[in-house]
């Protein structure tokens, strides 16, 4: 997404975009703010920025996903994603996250992390389906990771 597209998410003014009902959600707005903060602090992080999830058959934006910033000193990035409620459970998130992980790997990212609420079983399934492993949990979240450097986040 461009800065202008991200700003549209914040204002709710879709312009020419075809947004599915429910887009943007709270998570999309939070991701848009984080993206603009990253741009202000470090410049546009593209290609490790924010992306829309578009349904192939009609081009509607049904969600968003992306990186929380550029890789840290170990080459690790954190991702986030979300879909409008009407399309959840249909495989869109798993497909999108798998593509995002392949994209990150092709850009030299060493590892990708993500987290989800303890009760968000759907999101947990998405990360596992994409090849991520549960590495820890606390009172609120489960944390997932995939790496291509032989380290699994479990002390390996």
Protein backbone atom coordinates (compact mmCIF):
# COMPACT_ATOMS: atom_id res chain seq x y z
CA UNK A 1 0.00 0.00 0.00
CA UNK A 2 1.13 3.53 -0.67
CA UNK A 3 1.10 6.23 1.99
CA UNK A 4 -1.97 7.71 0.27
CA UNK A 5 -3.82 4.36 0.40
CA UNK A 6 -2.93 3.95 4.06
CA UNK A 7 -4.21 7.46 4.78
CA UNK A 8 -7.52 6.49 3.11
CA UNK A 9 -7.83 3.61 5.57
CA UNK A 10 -7.43 6.11 8.43
CA UNK A 11 -9.99 8.54 7.06
CA UNK A 12 -12.40 5.90 5.79
CA UNK A 13 -12.47 7.57 2.38
CA UNK A 14 -12.11 4.69 -0.06
CA UNK A 15 -11.82 6.71 -3.26
CA UNK A 16 -11.76 4.22 -6.15
CA UNK A 17 -11.08 1.22 -3.89
CA UNK A 18 -13.65 -1.57 -3.58
CA UNK A 19 -13.88 -2.34 0.13
CA UNK A 20 -15.91 -5.26 1.41
CA UNK A 21 -18.37 -4.39 4.20
CA UNK A 22 -16.43 -4.26 7.47
CA UNK A 23 -13.18 -3.02 5.92
CA UNK A 24 -11.24 -1.33 7.35
CA UNK A 25 -11.57 -2.85 10.78
CA UNK A 26 -9.92 -1.74 14.01
CA UNK A 27 -6.84 -3.85 13.26
CA UNK A 28 -6.51 -2.29 9.81
CA UNK A 29 -6.70 1.21 11.29
CA UNK A 30 -4.09 0.32 13.93
CA UNK A 31 -1.81 -1.12 11.23
CA UNK A 32 -2.26 2.05 9.16
CA UNK A 33 -1.19 4.20 12.11
CA UNK A 34 1.83 1.96 12.76
CA UNK A 35 2.81 2.15 9.07
CA UNK A 36 2.61 5.95 9.02
CA UNK A 37 4.61 6.15 12.28
CA UNK A 38 7.29 3.92 10.70
CA UNK A 39 7.35 6.15 7.61
CA UNK A 40 7.73 9.26 9.79
CA UNK A 41 10.54 7.74 11.87
CA UNK A 42 12.51 5.76 9.27
CA UNK A 43 11.03 6.45 5.84
CA UNK A 44 8.77 4.20 3.79
CA UNK A 45 9.68 0.57 4.66
CA UNK A 46 8.52 -0.82 1.32
CA UNK A 47 8.56 -3.52 0.25
CA UNK A 48 8.20 -4.58 3.92
CA UNK A 49 5.12 -2.46 4.51
CA UNK A 50 1.36 -2.88 4.48
CA UNK A 51 -0.73 -4.75 1.91
CA UNK A 52 -4.40 -5.22 1.15
CA UNK A 53 -5.88 -8.68 0.76
CA UNK A 54 -8.00 -8.63 -2.39
CA UNK A 55 -10.36 -11.38 -3.45
CA UNK A 56 -9.34 -12.56 -6.93
CA UNK A 57 -12.84 -13.12 -8.28
CA UNK A 58 -14.13 -9.58 -7.71
CA UNK A 59 -11.19 -7.42 -6.58
CA UNK A 60 -12.82 -6.44 -3.30
CA UNK A 61 -10.49 -5.60 -0.40
CA UNK A 62 -11.36 -8.19 2.26
CA UNK A 63 -8.56 -7.50 4.73
CA UNK A 64 -5.01 -6.43 5.26
CA UNK A 65 -1.66 -7.82 6.23
CA UNK A 66 1.88 -6.68 6.47
CA UNK A 67 5.01 -6.09 8.44
CA UNK A 68 5.21 -4.14 11.69
CA UNK A 69 8.46 -2.58 10.51
CA UNK A 70 11.80 -3.39 9.00
CA UNK A 71 13.81 -6.40 10.20
CA UNK A 72 15.59 -6.01 13.52
CA UNK A 73 19.35 -6.59 13.94
CA UNK A 74 18.78 -10.38 13.79
CA UNK A 75 16.80 -10.15 10.54
CA UNK A 76 13.47 -10.82 12.26
CA UNK A 77 10.19 -9.10 11.39
CA UNK A 78 6.77 -9.22 12.99
CA UNK A 79 3.63 -9.58 10.90
CA UNK A 80 -0.04 -8.92 11.40
CA UNK A 81 -3.15 -9.68 9.37
CA UNK A 82 -6.90 -9.60 9.50
CA UNK A 83 -10.01 -10.24 7.43
CA UNK A 84 -13.52 -8.88 7.40
CA UNK A 85 -15.78 -11.23 9.38
CA UNK A 86 -17.83 -12.35 6.36
CA UNK A 87 -14.87 -14.14 4.70
CA UNK A 88 -13.16 -15.70 7.70
CA UNK A 89 -12.71 -19.46 7.67
CA UNK A 90 -12.48 -19.68 3.88
CA UNK A 91 -8.69 -20.00 3.58
CA UNK A 92 -7.94 -16.42 2.52
CA UNK A 93 -5.82 -15.61 5.57
CA UNK A 94 -3.77 -18.82 5.29
CA UNK A 95 -3.08 -18.15 1.61
CA UNK A 96 -2.15 -14.53 2.29
CA UNK A 97 0.14 -15.34 5.22
CA UNK A 98 1.91 -18.10 3.26
CA UNK A 99 2.51 -15.61 0.43
CA UNK A 100 3.75 -12.97 2.89
CA UNK A 101 6.19 -15.45 4.47
CA UNK A 102 7.53 -16.47 1.04
CA UNK A 103 7.89 -12.79 0.14
CA UNK A 104 9.78 -12.07 3.39
CA UNK A 105 12.10 -15.00 2.80
CA UNK A 106 12.79 -13.89 -0.78
CA UNK A 107 13.83 -10.49 0.61
CA UNK A 108 16.42 -12.02 2.94
CA UNK A 109 14.38 -11.92 6.15
CA UNK A 110 15.77 -14.51 8.57
CA UNK A 111 12.64 -15.05 10.69
CA UNK A 112 9.03 -13.94 11.00
CA UNK A 113 7.06 -13.67 14.22
CA UNK A 114 3.39 -13.15 14.94
CA UNK A 115 1.05 -13.33 17.90
CA UNK A 116 -2.62 -13.81 18.57
CA UNK A 117 -5.04 -13.73 21.46
CA UNK A 118 -5.35 -17.00 23.40
CA UNK A 119 -8.96 -17.40 22.28
CA UNK A 120 -8.38 -16.65 18.59
CA UNK A 121 -8.21 -20.25 17.42
CA UNK A 122 -8.73 -19.25 13.78
CA UNK A 123 -5.63 -17.07 13.77
CA UNK A 124 -3.65 -19.77 15.54
CA UNK A 125 -4.65 -22.23 12.79
CA UNK A 126 -3.62 -19.72 10.11
CA UNK A 127 -0.11 -19.37 11.49
CA UNK A 128 0.34 -23.13 11.91
CA UNK A 129 -1.01 -23.75 8.38
CA UNK A 130 1.53 -21.23 7.07
CA UNK A 131 4.38 -23.16 8.74
CA UNK A 132 4.85 -21.08 11.88
CA UNK A 133 5.44 -22.78 15.22
CA UNK A 134 4.07 -21.90 18.63
CA UNK A 135 7.11 -20.78 20.63
CA UNK A 136 5.55 -19.44 23.82
CA UNK A 137 2.45 -18.02 25.43
CA UNK A 138 1.56 -15.78 28.30
CA UNK A 139 -1.69 -14.80 30.03
CA UNK A 140 -2.99 -12.97 26.93
CA UNK A 141 -1.17 -14.10 23.78
CA UNK A 142 0.29 -17.03 21.88
CA UNK A 143 3.51 -16.27 19.98
CA UNK A 144 4.47 -17.94 16.71
CA UNK A 145 7.67 -17.95 14.67
CA UNK A 146 9.21 -19.34 11.52
CA UNK A 147 12.87 -19.04 10.65
CA UNK A 148 15.05 -20.03 7.75
CA UNK A 149 18.31 -19.98 9.67
CA UNK A 150 17.84 -23.28 11.48
CA UNK A 151 16.63 -21.63 14.71
CA UNK A 152 13.09 -22.38 15.75
CA UNK A 153 12.74 -19.90 18.60
CA UNK A 154 12.83 -22.72 21.14
CA UNK A 155 16.48 -22.30 21.99
CA UNK A 156 17.58 -24.30 18.95
